[in-house]
Protein backbone atom coordinates (compact mmCIF):
# COMPACT_ATOMS: atom_id res chain seq x y z
CA MET A 1 148.38 212.67 46.79
CA PRO A 2 145.35 213.27 44.53
CA ILE A 3 147.15 211.68 41.55
CA ALA A 4 148.16 208.69 43.67
CA ILE A 5 144.59 208.29 44.97
CA GLU A 6 143.22 208.32 41.40
CA ALA A 7 145.70 205.62 40.40
CA VAL A 8 144.92 203.43 43.40
CA ASP A 9 141.17 203.92 42.86
CA LEU A 10 141.58 202.53 39.32
CA ALA A 11 143.60 199.58 40.56
CA ALA A 12 141.25 198.81 43.46
CA ALA A 13 138.19 198.89 41.19
CA THR A 14 139.88 196.45 38.81
CA LEU A 15 140.93 194.15 41.64
CA ARG A 16 137.36 194.12 43.05
CA SER A 17 135.73 193.46 39.68
CA ARG A 18 137.90 190.75 38.15
CA ARG A 19 139.37 187.38 38.98
CA PRO A 20 142.67 186.17 37.55
CA VAL A 21 142.50 184.08 34.39
CA SER A 22 146.09 182.86 34.41
CA VAL A 23 148.95 182.56 36.88
CA THR A 24 152.64 182.42 36.01
CA SER A 25 155.55 181.37 38.18
CA LYS A 26 158.14 183.98 39.12
CA GLY A 27 160.33 181.34 40.73
CA ASP A 28 160.17 179.05 43.71
CA ARG A 29 156.61 179.37 45.07
CA ASP A 30 156.31 182.99 43.88
CA MET A 31 153.69 183.91 41.32
CA ALA A 32 152.00 186.68 39.40
CA SER A 33 148.58 186.64 37.82
CA ASP A 34 147.44 188.24 34.59
CA LEU A 35 145.63 190.71 36.83
CA ASP A 36 148.91 191.77 38.52
CA HIS A 37 150.26 192.61 35.06
CA HIS A 38 147.05 194.34 33.95
CA ILE A 39 146.82 196.52 37.07
CA GLU A 40 150.49 197.46 36.84
CA ARG A 41 150.11 198.58 33.20
CA GLN A 42 146.88 200.44 34.07
CA VAL A 43 148.49 202.34 36.95
CA ARG A 44 151.75 202.98 35.05
CA ASP A 45 149.83 204.48 32.11
CA HIS A 46 147.65 206.62 34.38
CA LEU A 47 150.61 207.98 36.32
CA ALA A 48 152.62 208.60 33.14
CA GLU A 49 149.75 210.72 31.82
CA LYS A 50 149.15 212.64 35.07
CA ALA A 51 152.80 213.03 36.21
CA PRO A 52 155.05 212.45 33.16
CA ALA A 53 158.23 213.72 34.86
CA VAL A 54 157.98 211.06 37.58
CA GLY A 55 159.53 207.65 36.95
CA PHE A 56 158.00 204.29 37.77
CA LEU A 57 159.10 201.05 39.43
CA GLY A 58 156.64 198.17 39.28
CA GLU A 59 157.01 194.73 40.80
CA GLU A 60 156.14 192.94 37.57
CA HIS A 61 157.75 195.09 34.84
CA GLY A 62 160.56 196.98 36.54
CA ARG A 63 161.74 200.56 36.25
CA SER A 64 161.27 203.33 33.73
CA GLY A 65 161.88 207.06 33.72
CA SER A 66 163.38 209.26 36.43
CA GLN A 67 165.67 207.83 39.07
CA GLU A 68 165.32 210.84 41.39
CA SER A 69 161.53 210.86 41.65
CA TYR A 70 159.51 207.70 40.99
CA TRP A 71 156.40 205.78 41.91
CA VAL A 72 156.76 202.28 43.39
CA LEU A 73 153.87 199.86 42.88
CA ASP A 74 152.97 196.39 44.03
CA PRO A 75 149.81 195.88 41.97
CA ILE A 76 148.51 193.03 44.15
CA ASP A 77 150.35 192.76 47.43
CA GLY A 78 149.31 189.30 48.56
CA THR A 79 148.82 187.68 45.16
CA ALA A 80 148.90 184.20 46.72
CA ASN A 81 146.05 185.20 49.04
CA PHE A 82 144.06 186.77 46.18
CA ILE A 83 144.42 183.73 43.92
CA LYS A 84 143.16 181.48 46.73
CA GLY A 85 140.16 183.73 47.41
CA ILE A 86 141.54 185.11 50.68
CA PRO A 87 140.60 188.81 50.86
CA LEU A 88 143.87 189.83 52.57
CA CYS A 89 145.47 191.57 49.60
CA ALA A 90 146.20 195.18 48.72
CA VAL A 91 147.32 197.67 46.12
CA SER A 92 150.48 199.37 47.44
CA LEU A 93 151.76 202.61 45.89
CA ALA A 94 154.47 204.96 47.12
CA LEU A 95 156.25 208.04 45.81
CA ILE A 96 160.02 208.24 46.31
CA GLU A 97 161.97 211.49 45.92
CA ASP A 98 165.76 211.56 46.21
CA GLY A 99 165.71 208.13 47.82
CA ASN A 100 163.15 209.06 50.49
CA PRO A 101 159.49 208.07 50.71
CA VAL A 102 157.18 211.05 50.33
CA LEU A 103 153.78 209.40 50.38
CA GLY A 104 152.25 205.96 50.42
CA ILE A 105 148.88 204.31 49.96
CA VAL A 106 147.94 200.77 50.88
CA ASP A 107 144.41 199.94 49.77
CA ALA A 108 142.78 196.63 50.73
CA PRO A 109 139.84 196.81 48.31
CA LEU A 110 138.26 193.50 49.31
CA LEU A 111 138.13 194.71 52.92
CA GLY A 112 137.13 198.31 52.14
CA THR A 113 140.14 199.72 53.98
CA ARG A 114 142.68 202.30 52.85
CA TYR A 115 145.81 203.52 54.62
CA THR A 116 147.63 206.68 53.57
CA ALA A 117 150.78 208.40 54.75
CA ILE A 118 152.47 211.66 53.84
CA ARG A 119 155.92 212.57 55.10
CA GLY A 120 155.52 215.10 57.89
CA ALA A 121 151.72 214.69 58.05
CA GLY A 122 151.34 211.27 59.63
CA SER A 123 149.42 208.22 58.54
CA HIS A 124 145.71 207.52 58.42
CA GLU A 125 143.17 204.75 58.02
CA GLY A 126 140.51 206.60 56.07
CA THR A 127 140.20 209.84 58.04
CA ARG A 128 141.35 208.37 61.37
CA ARG A 129 144.91 209.30 62.28
CA LEU A 130 147.04 206.29 63.17
CA LYS A 131 149.56 206.06 65.95
CA ALA A 132 152.02 203.45 67.06
CA SER A 133 150.80 201.01 69.66
CA ASP A 134 151.40 202.07 73.24
CA THR A 135 151.81 198.43 74.28
CA SER A 136 155.18 198.24 75.99
CA ASP A 137 154.97 194.64 77.19
CA LEU A 138 155.70 191.98 74.54
CA ARG A 139 153.41 189.55 76.40
CA SER A 140 150.50 191.90 75.61
CA ALA A 141 151.50 192.53 71.99
CA ILE A 142 150.20 191.03 68.77
CA VAL A 143 153.21 190.94 66.45
CA ALA A 144 152.98 190.67 62.66
CA ILE A 145 155.87 189.17 60.74
CA GLY A 146 156.58 189.03 57.03
CA ASP A 147 156.32 185.95 54.85
CA TYR A 148 159.01 183.35 54.83
CA SER A 149 161.51 183.52 52.00
CA VAL A 150 161.19 181.62 48.73
CA GLY A 151 163.75 181.16 45.98
CA PRO A 152 167.55 180.94 46.15
CA ASP A 153 169.01 180.70 49.66
CA SER A 154 165.52 180.53 51.19
CA SER A 155 166.55 177.76 53.61
CA ALA A 156 169.30 179.88 55.15
CA LYS A 157 167.10 182.99 55.28
CA ASN A 158 164.23 181.04 56.78
CA ALA A 159 166.42 179.53 59.50
CA VAL A 160 166.83 183.02 60.95
CA ARG A 161 163.14 183.84 60.46
CA LEU A 162 162.08 180.58 62.10
CA ALA A 163 164.32 181.29 65.08
CA ILE A 164 162.82 184.78 65.44
CA THR A 165 159.31 183.36 65.10
CA GLN A 166 160.03 180.80 67.80
CA LEU A 167 161.30 183.49 70.16
CA LEU A 168 158.26 185.68 69.47
CA ALA A 169 155.84 182.74 69.87
CA GLU A 170 157.27 182.10 73.33
CA ARG A 171 157.06 185.74 74.41
CA ALA A 172 154.36 187.68 72.49
CA GLN A 173 150.63 187.41 73.09
CA ARG A 174 150.14 186.35 69.43
CA VAL A 175 152.19 186.17 66.23
CA ARG A 176 150.53 186.80 62.86
CA MET A 177 151.65 186.29 59.26
CA LEU A 178 149.07 187.84 56.95
CA GLY A 179 150.73 187.58 53.54
CA THR A 180 150.24 191.28 52.76
CA VAL A 181 150.77 194.70 54.28
CA GLY A 182 147.03 195.35 53.77
């Protein structure tokens, strides 16, 4: 965890201190900024130095190194939000060993919030231990859903998501789509 925290600290500081200069399309309504690429290289290099036996999988540049043990990084989870000046974005880093998540960090640097999880030790927001909601009635629940699909076959995928959203909107207290896990 200390190596992961160092890496996320570097990424979060960069995200807080810089704005994107350029944005490139990754396909239908999906994008990456120069800052996504910069942060991914920064974190990849840091982790390669601190944990050279561990592989790496980044959203922007793909996989390198070990297939058994590797870091997974989304350098700016919520790039669309970040580009538009919406502070709901995060740096997301996980460690996978033998196909299973071992630890994860989601840092929302523009909100000053960090979530961590370690297999067998629970999850935390800062030092506060998190627990699943004890809300058992959907009418009292605020439900978060992921973004709608973009790219090939997005219409078919979104038909299902729209149907689920409609059902939730009729039954849940509120439905939210934040554009990031942060």
